[in-house]
C-alpha cells in the first residue's frame, strides 16, 4: 500500500491556496498542476476537507482512530461471545 504524502493540515493549506488561484481566474487543471496533484485528487480533497479548519481535521483524524479501535474491540467481544455460546451448548 502506498504511503500518504499529504497530511490533513497540508491538504487544507493546499485547498486554501487553490481557492486563491481559482479566484484569480486559473482553471482547476492549472491549480492542480501547481499543487502537484491530479484534478481527481483535488475534487476528492475538496469533498472531504472543504471548509474544514486545521483543528477540525485533527479532531476528525482522532475520532477515526478511536472508531477503528472500538470496532476492533466489538469484533473481538462478539467472537468471544459466540465461542462461549458454542461451549455452553456442548457442541464442540
C-alpha atoms as a PDB file:
ATOM      1  CA  UNK A   1       0.000   0.000   0.000  1.00  0.00           C
ATOM      2  CA  UNK A   2       1.289   3.428  -0.911  1.00  0.00           C
ATOM      3  CA  UNK A   3       2.232   5.812   1.857  1.00  0.00           C
ATOM      4  CA  UNK A   4       0.255   9.032   2.042  1.00  0.00           C
ATOM      5  CA  UNK A   5       2.315  12.097   1.230  1.00  0.00           C
ATOM      6  CA  UNK A   6      -0.141  14.671   2.473  1.00  0.00           C
ATOM      7  CA  UNK A   7      -1.366  15.248   5.994  1.00  0.00           C
ATOM      8  CA  UNK A   8      -4.785  16.716   6.712  1.00  0.00           C
ATOM      9  CA  UNK A   9      -3.166  20.025   7.657  1.00  0.00           C
ATOM     10  CA  UNK A  10      -1.255  20.165   4.366  1.00  0.00           C
ATOM     11  CA  UNK A  11      -4.369  19.264   2.385  1.00  0.00           C
ATOM     12  CA  UNK A  12      -6.337  22.112   3.992  1.00  0.00           C
ATOM     13  CA  UNK A  13      -3.470  24.523   3.288  1.00  0.00           C
ATOM     14  CA  UNK A  14      -3.377  23.389  -0.348  1.00  0.00           C
ATOM     15  CA  UNK A  15      -7.148  23.777  -0.695  1.00  0.00           C
ATOM     16  CA  UNK A  16      -6.932  27.355   0.604  1.00  0.00           C
ATOM     17  CA  UNK A  17      -4.134  28.058  -1.847  1.00  0.00           C
ATOM     18  CA  UNK A  18      -6.231  26.537  -4.631  1.00  0.00           C
ATOM     19  CA  UNK A  19      -9.148  28.819  -3.751  1.00  0.00           C
ATOM     20  CA  UNK A  20      -6.850  31.831  -4.113  1.00  0.00           C
ATOM     21  CA  UNK A  21      -5.656  30.695  -7.544  1.00  0.00           C
ATOM     22  CA  UNK A  22      -9.208  29.934  -8.667  1.00  0.00           C
ATOM     23  CA  UNK A  23     -10.359  33.388  -7.608  1.00  0.00           C
ATOM     24  CA  UNK A  24      -7.598  34.854  -9.767  1.00  0.00           C
ATOM     25  CA  UNK A  25      -9.084  33.066 -12.776  1.00  0.00           C
ATOM     26  CA  UNK A  26      -6.967  29.931 -13.047  1.00  0.00           C
ATOM     27  CA  UNK A  27      -8.654  26.701 -14.105  1.00  0.00           C
ATOM     28  CA  UNK A  28      -8.896  23.603 -11.919  1.00  0.00           C
ATOM     29  CA  UNK A  29      -6.324  21.872 -14.136  1.00  0.00           C
ATOM     30  CA  UNK A  30      -3.819  24.679 -13.743  1.00  0.00           C
ATOM     31  CA  UNK A  31      -4.323  24.806  -9.982  1.00  0.00           C
ATOM     32  CA  UNK A  32      -3.927  21.039  -9.675  1.00  0.00           C
ATOM     33  CA  UNK A  33      -0.666  21.153 -11.614  1.00  0.00           C
ATOM     34  CA  UNK A  34       0.641  23.944  -9.378  1.00  0.00           C
ATOM     35  CA  UNK A  35      -0.156  21.828  -6.317  1.00  0.00           C
ATOM     36  CA  UNK A  36       1.351  18.698  -7.881  1.00  0.00           C
ATOM     37  CA  UNK A  37      -1.857  16.662  -7.731  1.00  0.00           C
ATOM     38  CA  UNK A  38      -4.460  15.392 -10.175  1.00  0.00           C
ATOM     39  CA  UNK A  39      -7.837  17.001 -10.697  1.00  0.00           C
ATOM     40  CA  UNK A  40      -9.473  13.901  -9.235  1.00  0.00           C
ATOM     41  CA  UNK A  41      -7.401  14.286  -6.070  1.00  0.00           C
ATOM     42  CA  UNK A  42      -8.386  17.951  -5.838  1.00  0.00           C
ATOM     43  CA  UNK A  43     -12.085  17.112  -6.037  1.00  0.00           C
ATOM     44  CA  UNK A  44     -11.709  14.274  -3.519  1.00  0.00           C
ATOM     45  CA  UNK A  45      -9.892  16.569  -1.078  1.00  0.00           C
ATOM     46  CA  UNK A  46     -12.454  19.309  -1.566  1.00  0.00           C
ATOM     47  CA  UNK A  47     -15.269  16.849  -0.873  1.00  0.00           C
ATOM     48  CA  UNK A  48     -13.607  15.504   2.269  1.00  0.00           C
ATOM     49  CA  UNK A  49     -11.877  18.581   3.697  1.00  0.00           C
ATOM     50  CA  UNK A  50     -13.613  21.544   2.035  1.00  0.00           C
ATOM     51  CA  UNK A  51     -14.489  24.285   4.534  1.00  0.00           C
ATOM     52  CA  UNK A  52     -12.705  22.494   7.352  1.00  0.00           C
ATOM     53  CA  UNK A  53     -10.262  24.160   9.748  1.00  0.00           C
ATOM     54  CA  UNK A  54      -6.967  22.526  10.754  1.00  0.00           C
ATOM     55  CA  UNK A  55      -8.206  21.782  14.288  1.00  0.00           C
ATOM     56  CA  UNK A  56     -11.320  20.126  12.896  1.00  0.00           C
ATOM     57  CA  UNK A  57      -9.175  17.928  10.654  1.00  0.00           C
ATOM     58  CA  UNK A  58      -7.042  16.860  13.619  1.00  0.00           C
ATOM     59  CA  UNK A  59     -10.167  16.036  15.623  1.00  0.00           C
ATOM     60  CA  UNK A  60     -11.575  14.070  12.666  1.00  0.00           C
ATOM     61  CA  UNK A  61      -8.381  12.008  12.485  1.00  0.00           C
ATOM     62  CA  UNK A  62      -8.511  11.295  16.229  1.00  0.00           C
ATOM     63  CA  UNK A  63     -12.149  10.241  16.011  1.00  0.00           C
ATOM     64  CA  UNK A  64     -11.450   7.947  13.050  1.00  0.00           C
ATOM     65  CA  UNK A  65      -8.650   6.244  15.001  1.00  0.00           C
ATOM     66  CA  UNK A  66     -10.867   5.844  18.056  1.00  0.00           C
ATOM     67  CA  UNK A  67     -13.682   4.476  15.916  1.00  0.00           C
ATOM     68  CA  UNK A  68     -11.331   1.918  14.368  1.00  0.00           C
ATOM     69  CA  UNK A  69     -10.133   0.828  17.799  1.00  0.00           C
ATOM     70  CA  UNK A  70     -13.688   0.465  19.085  1.00  0.00           C
ATOM     71  CA  UNK A  71     -14.738  -1.569  16.041  1.00  0.00           C
ATOM     72  CA  UNK A  72     -11.891  -3.997  16.719  1.00  0.00           C
ATOM     73  CA  UNK A  73     -12.988  -4.291  20.353  1.00  0.00           C
ATOM     74  CA  UNK A  74     -16.579  -5.034  19.342  1.00  0.00           C
ATOM     75  CA  UNK A  75     -15.410  -7.661  16.850  1.00  0.00           C
ATOM     76  CA  UNK A  76     -13.256  -9.361  19.488  1.00  0.00           C
ATOM     77  CA  UNK A  77     -16.045  -9.326  22.058  1.00  0.00           C
ATOM     78  CA  UNK A  78     -18.560 -10.680  19.547  1.00  0.00           C
ATOM     79  CA  UNK A  79     -16.192 -13.522  18.685  1.00  0.00           C
ATOM     80  CA  UNK A  80     -15.647 -14.311  22.366  1.00  0.00           C
ATOM     81  CA  UNK A  81     -19.396 -14.250  22.951  1.00  0.00           C
ATOM     82  CA  UNK A  82     -20.111 -16.650  20.098  1.00  0.00           C
ATOM     83  CA  UNK A  83     -17.373 -19.020  21.306  1.00  0.00           C
ATOM     84  CA  UNK A  84     -18.852 -19.024  24.818  1.00  0.00           C
ATOM     85  CA  UNK A  85     -22.313 -19.757  23.428  1.00  0.00           C
ATOM     86  CA  UNK A  86     -20.974 -22.723  21.463  1.00  0.00           C
ATOM     87  CA  UNK A  87     -19.148 -24.082  24.505  1.00  0.00           C
ATOM     88  CA  UNK A  88     -22.226 -23.679  26.728  1.00  0.00           C
ATOM     89  CA  UNK A  89     -24.329 -25.695  24.228  1.00  0.00           C
ATOM     90  CA  UNK A  90     -21.882 -28.566  24.453  1.00  0.00           C
ATOM     91  CA  UNK A  91     -21.317 -28.739  20.689  1.00  0.00           C
ATOM     92  CA  UNK A  92     -17.580 -28.982  20.294  1.00  0.00           C
END
